[in-house]
Amino acid sequence: MNKTENILLRCSIGEKKIISELAKKCGLTLSEYCRGQALHGEIKAIPPLSQEEIEYFHLLKTYCTHFNRISSLIRKRDPGLVEEIRQLVDKLTRLQRRIV
């Protein structure tokens, strides 16, 4: 959506600092934060993820894909199912060792 209209908002230096910090905590620009507050009334701060957390989410997505594939194999009664499950269990065990 093309945003071409401006709204002028007056506030004190202290208020601007507070609003800017809240926007930063939410990972938004000052404009995005003010627009979200005006339209929706509440914006929750979501802290940025570390690189390690991002990697874990990618791994979880991969494992979700593997579980979906396994469930499909079970439905089709594929003879290679046991090997597929063994490989997945090995990967999960390695991941558990990294986390703990």
PDB file of N, CA and C in Angstrom:
ATOM      1  N   MET A   1       0.852  -1.168   0.000  1.00  0.00           N
ATOM      2  CA  MET A   1       0.000   0.000   0.000  1.00  0.00           C
ATOM      3  C   MET A   1       0.902   1.237   0.000  1.00  0.00           C
ATOM      4  N   ASN A   2       0.630   2.148  -0.894  1.00  0.00           N
ATOM      5  CA  ASN A   2       1.431   3.362  -1.027  1.00  0.00           C
ATOM      6  C   ASN A   2       1.007   4.374   0.035  1.00  0.00           C
ATOM      7  N   LYS A   3       1.932   4.752   0.871  1.00  0.00           N
ATOM      8  CA  LYS A   3       1.647   5.707   1.944  1.00  0.00           C
ATOM      9  C   LYS A   3       2.146   7.081   1.525  1.00  0.00           C
ATOM     10  N   THR A   4       1.210   7.960   1.201  1.00  0.00           N
ATOM     11  CA  THR A   4       1.589   9.284   0.699  1.00  0.00           C
ATOM     12  C   THR A   4       1.116  10.417   1.600  1.00  0.00           C
ATOM     13  N   GLU A   5       0.234  10.134   2.538  1.00  0.00           N
ATOM     14  CA  GLU A   5      -0.326  11.171   3.389  1.00  0.00           C
ATOM     15  C   GLU A   5       0.482  11.298   4.678  1.00  0.00           C
ATOM     16  N   ASN A   6       0.574  12.513   5.206  1.00  0.00           N
ATOM     17  CA  ASN A   6       1.291  12.782   6.449  1.00  0.00           C
ATOM     18  C   ASN A   6       0.323  13.231   7.531  1.00  0.00           C
ATOM     19  N   ILE A   7       0.645  12.889   8.769  1.00  0.00           N
ATOM     20  CA  ILE A   7      -0.062  13.384   9.937  1.00  0.00           C
ATOM     21  C   ILE A   7       0.992  14.008  10.836  1.00  0.00           C
ATOM     22  N   LEU A   8       0.779  15.233  11.227  1.00  0.00           N
ATOM     23  CA  LEU A   8       1.717  15.916  12.106  1.00  0.00           C
ATOM     24  C   LEU A   8       1.284  15.683  13.548  1.00  0.00           C
ATOM     25  N   LEU A   9       2.198  15.224  14.367  1.00  0.00           N
ATOM     26  CA  LEU A   9       1.921  14.934  15.762  1.00  0.00           C
ATOM     27  C   LEU A   9       2.891  15.738  16.606  1.00  0.00           C
ATOM     28  N   ARG A  10       2.363  16.498  17.535  1.00  0.00           N
ATOM     29  CA  ARG A  10       3.229  17.287  18.417  1.00  0.00           C
ATOM     30  C   ARG A  10       3.365  16.579  19.757  1.00  0.00           C
ATOM     31  N   CYS A  11       4.593  16.549  20.253  1.00  0.00           N
ATOM     32  CA  CYS A  11       4.849  15.955  21.560  1.00  0.00           C
ATOM     33  C   CYS A  11       6.116  16.584  22.134  1.00  0.00           C
ATOM     34  N   SER A  12       6.344  16.331  23.401  1.00  0.00           N
ATOM     35  CA  SER A  12       7.547  16.867  24.037  1.00  0.00           C
ATOM     36  C   SER A  12       8.748  16.001  23.649  1.00  0.00           C
ATOM     37  N   ILE A  13       9.938  16.486  23.931  1.00  0.00           N
ATOM     38  CA  ILE A  13      11.155  15.726  23.657  1.00  0.00           C
ATOM     39  C   ILE A  13      11.129  14.405  24.429  1.00  0.00           C
ATOM     40  N   GLY A  14      10.696  14.475  25.685  1.00  0.00           N
ATOM     41  CA  GLY A  14      10.624  13.278  26.520  1.00  0.00           C
ATOM     42  C   GLY A  14       9.638  12.262  25.966  1.00  0.00           C
ATOM     43  N   GLU A  15       8.484  12.737  25.523  1.00  0.00           N
ATOM     44  CA  GLU A  15       7.482  11.833  24.959  1.00  0.00           C
ATOM     45  C   GLU A  15       8.011  11.170  23.685  1.00  0.00           C
ATOM     46  N   LYS A  16       8.692  11.959  22.849  1.00  0.00           N
ATOM     47  CA  LYS A  16       9.242  11.401  21.613  1.00  0.00           C
ATOM     48  C   LYS A  16      10.278  10.328  21.929  1.00  0.00           C
ATOM     49  N   LYS A  17      11.087  10.584  22.949  1.00  0.00           N
ATOM     50  CA  LYS A  17      12.104   9.610  23.331  1.00  0.00           C
ATOM     51  C   LYS A  17      11.451   8.302  23.795  1.00  0.00           C
ATOM     52  N   ILE A  18      10.416   8.425  24.619  1.00  0.00           N
ATOM     53  CA  ILE A  18       9.699   7.241  25.111  1.00  0.00           C
ATOM     54  C   ILE A  18       9.067   6.474  23.949  1.00  0.00           C
ATOM     55  N   ILE A  19       8.386   7.191  23.063  1.00  0.00           N
ATOM     56  CA  ILE A  19       7.724   6.549  21.924  1.00  0.00           C
ATOM     57  C   ILE A  19       8.756   5.897  21.014  1.00  0.00           C
ATOM     58  N   SER A  20       9.874   6.559  20.792  1.00  0.00           N
ATOM     59  CA  SER A  20      10.940   5.999  19.947  1.00  0.00           C
ATOM     60  C   SER A  20      11.506   4.721  20.548  1.00  0.00           C
ATOM     61  N   GLU A  21      11.701   4.710  21.864  1.00  0.00           N
ATOM     62  CA  GLU A  21      12.209   3.507  22.538  1.00  0.00           C
ATOM     63  C   GLU A  21      11.214   2.352  22.440  1.00  0.00           C
ATOM     64  N   LEU A  22       9.927   2.659  22.610  1.00  0.00           N
ATOM     65  CA  LEU A  22       8.906   1.617  22.483  1.00  0.00           C
ATOM     66  C   LEU A  22       8.891   1.040  21.062  1.00  0.00           C
ATOM     67  N   ALA A  23       9.018   1.920  20.071  1.00  0.00           N
ATOM     68  CA  ALA A  23       9.057   1.466  18.679  1.00  0.00           C
ATOM     69  C   ALA A  23      10.267   0.573  18.450  1.00  0.00           C
ATOM     70  N   LYS A  24      11.404   0.983  18.987  1.00  0.00           N
ATOM     71  CA  LYS A  24      12.637   0.206  18.828  1.00  0.00           C
ATOM     72  C   LYS A  24      12.499  -1.171  19.459  1.00  0.00           C
ATOM     73  N   LYS A  25      11.893  -1.250  20.654  1.00  0.00           N
ATOM     74  CA  LYS A  25      11.680  -2.531  21.328  1.00  0.00           C
ATOM     75  C   LYS A  25      10.800  -3.454  20.500  1.00  0.00           C
ATOM     76  N   CYS A  26       9.889  -2.877  19.742  1.00  0.00           N
ATOM     77  CA  CYS A  26       8.990  -3.672  18.910  1.00  0.00           C
ATOM     78  C   CYS A  26       9.597  -3.989  17.547  1.00  0.00           C
ATOM     79  N   GLY A  27      10.760  -3.421  17.274  1.00  0.00           N
ATOM     80  CA  GLY A  27      11.394  -3.656  15.982  1.00  0.00           C
ATOM     81  C   GLY A  27      10.719  -2.909  14.851  1.00  0.00           C
ATOM     82  N   LEU A  28      10.112  -1.776  15.182  1.00  0.00           N
ATOM     83  CA  LEU A  28       9.386  -0.978  14.190  1.00  0.00           C
ATOM     84  C   LEU A  28       9.995   0.409  14.081  1.00  0.00           C
ATOM     85  N   THR A  29       9.721   1.060  12.941  1.00  0.00           N
ATOM     86  CA  THR A  29      10.092   2.463  12.828  1.00  0.00           C
ATOM     87  C   THR A  29       9.102   3.277  13.651  1.00  0.00           C
ATOM     88  N   LEU A  30       9.439   4.519  13.883  1.00  0.00           N
ATOM     89  CA  LEU A  30       8.553   5.393  14.646  1.00  0.00           C
ATOM     90  C   LEU A  30       7.197   5.514  13.946  1.00  0.00           C
ATOM     91  N   SER A  31       7.206   5.662  12.624  1.00  0.00           N
ATOM     92  CA  SER A  31       5.952   5.768  11.860  1.00  0.00           C
ATOM     93  C   SER A  31       5.127   4.490  11.958  1.00  0.00           C
ATOM     94  N   GLU A  32       5.777   3.333  11.788  1.00  0.00           N
ATOM     95  CA  GLU A  32       5.065   2.061  11.867  1.00  0.00           C
ATOM     96  C   GLU A  32       4.443   1.874  13.246  1.00  0.00           C
ATOM     97  N   TYR A  33       5.196   2.239  14.275  1.00  0.00           N
ATOM     98  CA  TYR A  33       4.700   2.077  15.640  1.00  0.00           C
ATOM     99  C   TYR A  33       3.488   2.985  15.882  1.00  0.00           C
ATOM    100  N   CYS A  34       3.599   4.251  15.533  1.00  0.00           N
ATOM    101  CA  CYS A  34       2.483   5.196  15.758  1.00  0.00           C
ATOM    102  C   CYS A  34       1.252   4.798  14.955  1.00  0.00           C
ATOM    103  N   ARG A  35       1.464   4.376  13.696  1.00  0.00           N
ATOM    104  CA  ARG A  35       0.348   3.950  12.864  1.00  0.00           C
ATOM    105  C   ARG A  35      -0.321   2.716  13.480  1.00  0.00           C
ATOM    106  N   GLY A  36       0.466   1.760  13.935  1.00  0.00           N
ATOM    107  CA  GLY A  36      -0.085   0.551  14.552  1.00  0.00           C
ATOM    108  C   GLY A  36      -0.864   0.853  15.815  1.00  0.00           C
ATOM    109  N   GLN A  37      -0.333   1.752  16.641  1.00  0.00           N
ATOM    110  CA  GLN A  37      -1.027   2.123  17.880  1.00  0.00           C
ATOM    111  C   GLN A  37      -2.345   2.827  17.548  1.00  0.00           C
ATOM    112  N   ALA A  38      -2.312   3.691  16.565  1.00  0.00           N
ATOM    113  CA  ALA A  38      -3.528   4.436  16.205  1.00  0.00           C
ATOM    114  C   ALA A  38      -4.596   3.511  15.615  1.00  0.00           C
ATOM    115  N   LEU A  39      -4.169   2.556  14.797  1.00  0.00           N
ATOM    116  CA  LEU A  39      -5.137   1.685  14.121  1.00  0.00           C
ATOM    117  C   LEU A  39      -5.590   0.498  14.975  1.00  0.00           C
ATOM    118  N   HIS A  40      -4.687  -0.031  15.790  1.00  0.00           N
ATOM    119  CA  HIS A  40      -4.998  -1.266  16.515  1.00  0.00           C
ATOM    120  C   HIS A  40      -5.029  -1.096  18.028  1.00  0.00           C
ATOM    121  N   GLY A  41      -4.486  -0.012  18.548  1.00  0.00           N
ATOM    122  CA  GLY A  41      -4.580   0.269  19.971  1.00  0.00           C
ATOM    123  C   GLY A  41      -3.521  -0.353  20.851  1.00  0.00           C
ATOM    124  N   GLU A  42      -2.870  -1.430  20.390  1.00  0.00           N
ATOM    125  CA  GLU A  42      -1.852  -2.061  21.226  1.00  0.00           C
ATOM    126  C   GLU A  42      -0.861  -2.794  20.330  1.00  0.00           C
ATOM    127  N   ILE A  43       0.411  -2.557  20.590  1.00  0.00           N
ATOM    128  CA  ILE A  43       1.477  -3.261  19.880  1.00  0.00           C
ATOM    129  C   ILE A  43       2.353  -3.898  20.935  1.00  0.00           C
ATOM    130  N   LYS A  44       2.600  -5.187  20.787  1.00  0.00           N
ATOM    131  CA  LYS A  44       3.415  -5.898  21.765  1.00  0.00           C
ATOM    132  C   LYS A  44       4.854  -5.978  21.275  1.00  0.00           C
ATOM    133  N   ALA A  45       5.770  -5.762  22.200  1.00  0.00           N
ATOM    134  CA  ALA A  45       7.187  -5.823  21.865  1.00  0.00           C
ATOM    135  C   ALA A  45       7.610  -7.279  21.707  1.00  0.00           C
ATOM    136  N   ILE A  46       8.252  -7.560  20.607  1.00  0.00           N
ATOM    137  CA  ILE A  46       8.812  -8.881  20.364  1.00  0.00           C
ATOM    138  C   ILE A  46      10.316  -8.699  20.249  1.00  0.00           C
ATOM    139  N   PRO A  47      11.065  -9.232  21.209  1.00  0.00           N
ATOM    140  CA  PRO A  47      12.513  -9.029  21.166  1.00  0.00           C
ATOM    141  C   PRO A  47      13.117  -9.705  19.943  1.00  0.00           C
ATOM    142  N   PRO A  48      14.153  -9.109  19.374  1.00  0.00           N
ATOM    143  CA  PRO A  48      14.780  -9.733  18.208  1.00  0.00           C
ATOM    144  C   PRO A  48      15.425 -11.061  18.595  1.00  0.00           C
ATOM    145  N   LEU A  49      15.411 -12.001  17.659  1.00  0.00           N
ATOM    146  CA  LEU A  49      15.980 -13.319  17.912  1.00  0.00           C
ATOM    147  C   LEU A  49      17.486 -13.306  17.678  1.00  0.00           C
ATOM    148  N   SER A  50      18.198 -14.085  18.465  1.00  0.00           N
ATOM    149  CA  SER A  50      19.633 -14.239  18.248  1.00  0.00           C
ATOM    150  C   SER A  50      19.837 -15.150  17.042  1.00  0.00           C
ATOM    151  N   GLN A  51      21.050 -15.156  16.496  1.00  0.00           N
ATOM    152  CA  GLN A  51      21.347 -16.015  15.355  1.00  0.00           C
ATOM    153  C   GLN A  51      21.133 -17.485  15.711  1.00  0.00           C
ATOM    154  N   GLU A  52      21.490 -17.858  16.944  1.00  0.00           N
ATOM    155  CA  GLU A  52      21.306 -19.237  17.390  1.00  0.00           C
ATOM    156  C   GLU A  52      19.823 -19.607  17.430  1.00  0.00           C
ATOM    157  N   GLU A  53      18.981 -18.697  17.915  1.00  0.00           N
ATOM    158  CA  GLU A  53      17.539 -18.967  17.963  1.00  0.00           C
ATOM    159  C   GLU A  53      16.968 -19.104  16.554  1.00  0.00           C
ATOM    160  N   ILE A  54      17.443 -18.280  15.640  1.00  0.00           N
ATOM    161  CA  ILE A  54      16.987 -18.367  14.246  1.00  0.00           C
ATOM    162  C   ILE A  54      17.356 -19.719  13.659  1.00  0.00           C
ATOM    163  N   GLU A  55      18.586 -20.184  13.946  1.00  0.00           N
ATOM    164  CA  GLU A  55      19.022 -21.494  13.457  1.00  0.00           C
ATOM    165  C   GLU A  55      18.138 -22.608  14.021  1.00  0.00           C
ATOM    166  N   TYR A  56      17.783 -22.512  15.300  1.00  0.00           N
ATOM    167  CA  TYR A  56      16.915 -23.523  15.902  1.00  0.00           C
ATOM    168  C   TYR A  56      15.529 -23.530  15.252  1.00  0.00           C
ATOM    169  N   PHE A  57      15.014 -22.351  14.921  1.00  0.00           N
ATOM    170  CA  PHE A  57      13.718 -22.304  14.247  1.00  0.00           C
ATOM    171  C   PHE A  57      13.800 -22.941  12.864  1.00  0.00           C
ATOM    172  N   HIS A  58      14.905 -22.727  12.161  1.00  0.00           N
ATOM    173  CA  HIS A  58      15.087 -23.380  10.866  1.00  0.00           C
ATOM    174  C   HIS A  58      15.141 -24.899  11.030  1.00  0.00           C
ATOM    175  N   LEU A  59      15.843 -25.362  12.081  1.00  0.00           N
ATOM    176  CA  LEU A  59      15.892 -26.799  12.344  1.00  0.00           C
ATOM    177  C   LEU A  59      14.511 -27.351  12.661  1.00  0.00           C
ATOM    178  N   LEU A  60      13.743 -26.623  13.470  1.00  0.00           N
ATOM    179  CA  LEU A  60      12.389 -27.074  13.795  1.00  0.00           C
ATOM    180  C   LEU A  60      11.528 -27.179  12.546  1.00  0.00           C
ATOM    181  N   LYS A  61      11.693 -26.220  11.636  1.00  0.00           N
ATOM    182  CA  LYS A  61      10.935 -26.271  10.390  1.00  0.00           C
ATOM    183  C   LYS A  61      11.334 -27.503   9.577  1.00  0.00           C
ATOM    184  N   THR A  62      12.627 -27.793   9.547  1.00  0.00           N
ATOM    185  CA  THR A  62      13.112 -28.982   8.846  1.00  0.00           C
ATOM    186  C   THR A  62      12.518 -30.241   9.461  1.00  0.00           C
ATOM    187  N   TYR A  63      12.512 -30.310  10.789  1.00  0.00           N
ATOM    188  CA  TYR A  63      11.971 -31.495  11.455  1.00  0.00           C
ATOM    189  C   TYR A  63      10.475 -31.619  11.233  1.00  0.00           C
ATOM    190  N   CYS A  64       9.783 -30.519  11.178  1.00  0.00           N
ATOM    191  CA  CYS A  64       8.346 -30.549  10.879  1.00  0.00           C
ATOM    192  C   CYS A  64       8.127 -31.178   9.503  1.00  0.00           C
ATOM    193  N   THR A  65       8.963 -30.770   8.551  1.00  0.00           N
ATOM    194  CA  THR A  65       8.871 -31.339   7.211  1.00  0.00           C
ATOM    195  C   THR A  65       9.123 -32.842   7.248  1.00  0.00           C
ATOM    196  N   HIS A  66      10.138 -33.255   8.015  1.00  0.00           N
ATOM    197  CA  HIS A  66      10.437 -34.682   8.134  1.00  0.00           C
ATOM    198  C   HIS A  66       9.263 -35.451   8.754  1.00  0.00           C
ATOM    199  N   PHE A  67       8.669 -34.907   9.793  1.00  0.00           N
ATOM    200  CA  PHE A  67       7.523 -35.590  10.413  1.00  0.00           C
ATOM    201  C   PHE A  67       6.354 -35.710   9.438  1.00  0.00           C
ATOM    202  N   ASN A  68       6.138 -34.675   8.648  1.00  0.00           N
ATOM    203  CA  ASN A  68       5.072 -34.739   7.645  1.00  0.00           C
ATOM    204  C   ASN A  68       5.362 -35.818   6.612  1.00  0.00           C
ATOM    205  N   ARG A  69       6.622 -35.910   6.202  1.00  0.00           N
ATOM    206  CA  ARG A  69       7.004 -36.939   5.242  1.00  0.00           C
ATOM    207  C   ARG A  69       6.820 -38.328   5.842  1.00  0.00           C
ATOM    208  N   ILE A  70       7.200 -38.479   7.103  1.00  0.00           N
ATOM    209  CA  ILE A  70       7.051 -39.776   7.756  1.00  0.00           C
ATOM    210  C   ILE A  70       5.576 -40.166   7.845  1.00  0.00           C
ATOM    211  N   SER A  71       4.736 -39.208   8.205  1.00  0.00           N
ATOM    212  CA  SER A  71       3.309 -39.535   8.293  1.00  0.00           C
ATOM    213  C   SER A  71       2.759 -39.938   6.926  1.00  0.00           C
ATOM    214  N   SER A  72       3.268 -39.301   5.872  1.00  0.00           N
ATOM    215  CA  SER A  72       2.846 -39.702   4.522  1.00  0.00           C
ATOM    216  C   SER A  72       3.328 -41.106   4.203  1.00  0.00           C
ATOM    217  N   LEU A  73       4.577 -41.415   4.614  1.00  0.00           N
ATOM    218  CA  LEU A  73       5.102 -42.762   4.383  1.00  0.00           C
ATOM    219  C   LEU A  73       4.289 -43.813   5.132  1.00  0.00           C
ATOM    220  N   ILE A  74       3.886 -43.479   6.351  1.00  0.00           N
ATOM    221  CA  ILE A  74       3.079 -44.415   7.135  1.00  0.00           C
ATOM    222  C   ILE A  74       1.759 -44.687   6.410  1.00  0.00           C
ATOM    223  N   ARG A  75       1.161 -43.629   5.905  1.00  0.00           N
ATOM    224  CA  ARG A  75      -0.104 -43.802   5.197  1.00  0.00           C
ATOM    225  C   ARG A  75       0.066 -44.672   3.947  1.00  0.00           C
ATOM    226  N   LYS A  76       1.193 -44.529   3.291  1.00  0.00           N
ATOM    227  CA  LYS A  76       1.434 -45.296   2.061  1.00  0.00           C
ATOM    228  C   LYS A  76       2.077 -46.652   2.334  1.00  0.00           C
ATOM    229  N   ARG A  77       2.467 -46.881   3.597  1.00  0.00           N
ATOM    230  CA  ARG A  77       3.106 -48.134   4.006  1.00  0.00           C
ATOM    231  C   ARG A  77       4.347 -48.424   3.169  1.00  0.00           C
ATOM    232  N   ASP A  78       5.207 -47.442   3.122  1.00  0.00           N
ATOM    233  CA  ASP A  78       6.465 -47.559   2.383  1.00  0.00           C
ATOM    234  C   ASP A  78       7.436 -48.461   3.131  1.00  0.00           C
ATOM    235  N   PRO A  79       8.087 -49.417   2.459  1.00  0.00           N
ATOM    236  CA  PRO A  79       9.021 -50.309   3.143  1.00  0.00           C
ATOM    237  C   PRO A  79      10.269 -49.598   3.673  1.00  0.00           C
ATOM    238  N   GLY A  80      10.625 -48.437   3.150  1.00  0.00           N
ATOM    239  CA  GLY A  80      11.809 -47.704   3.621  1.00  0.00           C
ATOM    240  C   GLY A  80      11.528 -46.865   4.849  1.00  0.00           C
ATOM    241  N   LEU A  81      10.359 -47.013   5.428  1.00  0.00           N
ATOM    242  CA  LEU A  81       9.932 -46.201   6.562  1.00  0.00           C
ATOM    243  C   LEU A  81      10.867 -46.339   7.759  1.00  0.00           C
ATOM    244  N   VAL A  82      11.286 -47.530   8.090  1.00  0.00           N
ATOM    245  CA  VAL A  82      12.128 -47.750   9.268  1.00  0.00           C
ATOM    246  C   VAL A  82      13.429 -46.963   9.137  1.00  0.00           C
ATOM    247  N   GLU A  83      14.048 -46.980   7.965  1.00  0.00           N
ATOM    248  CA  GLU A  83      15.304 -46.235   7.753  1.00  0.00           C
ATOM    249  C   GLU A  83      15.066 -44.732   7.865  1.00  0.00           C
ATOM    250  N   GLU A  84      13.980 -44.250   7.336  1.00  0.00           N
ATOM    251  CA  GLU A  84      13.645 -42.823   7.421  1.00  0.00           C
ATOM    252  C   GLU A  84      13.493 -42.397   8.880  1.00  0.00           C
ATOM    253  N   ILE A  85      12.802 -43.185   9.663  1.00  0.00           N
ATOM    254  CA  ILE A  85      12.616 -42.887  11.082  1.00  0.00           C
ATOM    255  C   ILE A  85      13.948 -42.910  11.818  1.00  0.00           C
ATOM    256  N   ARG A  86      14.806 -43.897  11.517  1.00  0.00           N
ATOM    257  CA  ARG A  86      16.113 -43.994  12.170  1.00  0.00           C
ATOM    258  C   ARG A  86      16.957 -42.748  11.897  1.00  0.00           C
ATOM    259  N   GLN A  87      16.959 -42.269  10.660  1.00  0.00           N
ATOM    260  CA  GLN A  87      17.729 -41.077  10.310  1.00  0.00           C
ATOM    261  C   GLN A  87      17.206 -39.851  11.059  1.00  0.00           C
ATOM    262  N   LEU A  88      15.902 -39.743  11.153  1.00  0.00           N
ATOM    263  CA  LEU A  88      15.318 -38.611  11.864  1.00  0.00           C
ATOM    264  C   LEU A  88      15.651 -38.650  13.345  1.00  0.00           C
ATOM    265  N   VAL A  89      15.571 -39.832  13.942  1.00  0.00           N
ATOM    266  CA  VAL A  89      15.904 -39.967  15.361  1.00  0.00           C
ATOM    267  C   VAL A  89      17.367 -39.591  15.593  1.00  0.00           C
ATOM    268  N   ASP A  90      18.251 -39.987  14.693  1.00  0.00           N
ATOM    269  CA  ASP A  90      19.665 -39.620  14.808  1.00  0.00           C
ATOM    270  C   ASP A  90      19.836 -38.097  14.771  1.00  0.00           C
ATOM    271  N   LYS A  91      19.156 -37.437  13.854  1.00  0.00           N
ATOM    272  CA  LYS A  91      19.256 -35.974  13.754  1.00  0.00           C
ATOM    273  C   LYS A  91      18.719 -35.299  15.012  1.00  0.00           C
ATOM    274  N   LEU A  92      17.589 -35.795  15.519  1.00  0.00           N
ATOM    275  CA  LEU A  92      17.013 -35.217  16.738  1.00  0.00           C
ATOM    276  C   LEU A  92      17.942 -35.414  17.930  1.00  0.00           C
ATOM    277  N   THR A  93      18.590 -36.560  17.991  1.00  0.00           N
ATOM    278  CA  THR A  93      19.535 -36.829  19.092  1.00  0.00           C
ATOM    279  C   THR A  93      20.711 -35.865  19.026  1.00  0.00           C
ATOM    280  N   ARG A  94      21.230 -35.624  17.823  1.00  0.00           N
ATOM    281  CA  ARG A  94      22.337 -34.659  17.681  1.00  0.00           C
ATOM    282  C   ARG A  94      21.901 -33.260  18.097  1.00  0.00           C
ATOM    283  N   LEU A  95      20.692 -32.868  17.698  1.00  0.00           N
ATOM    284  CA  LEU A  95      20.176 -31.547  18.081  1.00  0.00           C
ATOM    285  C   LEU A  95      20.029 -31.444  19.587  1.00  0.00           C
ATOM    286  N   GLN A  96      19.522 -32.486  20.218  1.00  0.00           N
ATOM    287  CA  GLN A  96      19.352 -32.473  21.678  1.00  0.00           C
ATOM    288  C   GLN A  96      20.698 -32.299  22.362  1.00  0.00           C
ATOM    289  N   ARG A  97      21.729 -32.952  21.881  1.00  0.00           N
ATOM    290  CA  ARG A  97      23.056 -32.819  22.467  1.00  0.00           C
ATOM    291  C   ARG A  97      23.597 -31.408  22.312  1.00  0.00           C
ATOM    292  N   ARG A  98      23.259 -30.727  21.210  1.00  0.00           N
ATOM    293  CA  ARG A  98      23.706 -29.338  21.009  1.00  0.00           C
ATOM    294  C   ARG A  98      23.018 -28.392  21.994  1.00  0.00           C
ATOM    295  N   ILE A  99      21.745 -28.664  22.264  1.00  0.00           N
ATOM    296  CA  ILE A  99      20.973 -27.778  23.132  1.00  0.00           C
ATOM    297  C   ILE A  99      21.374 -27.961  24.596  1.00  0.00           C
ATOM    298  N   VAL A 100      21.552 -29.203  25.023  1.00  0.00           N
ATOM    299  CA  VAL A 100      21.814 -29.508  26.429  1.00  0.00           C
ATOM    300  C   VAL A 100      23.244 -29.340  26.771  1.00  0.00           C
TER     301      VAL A 100
END
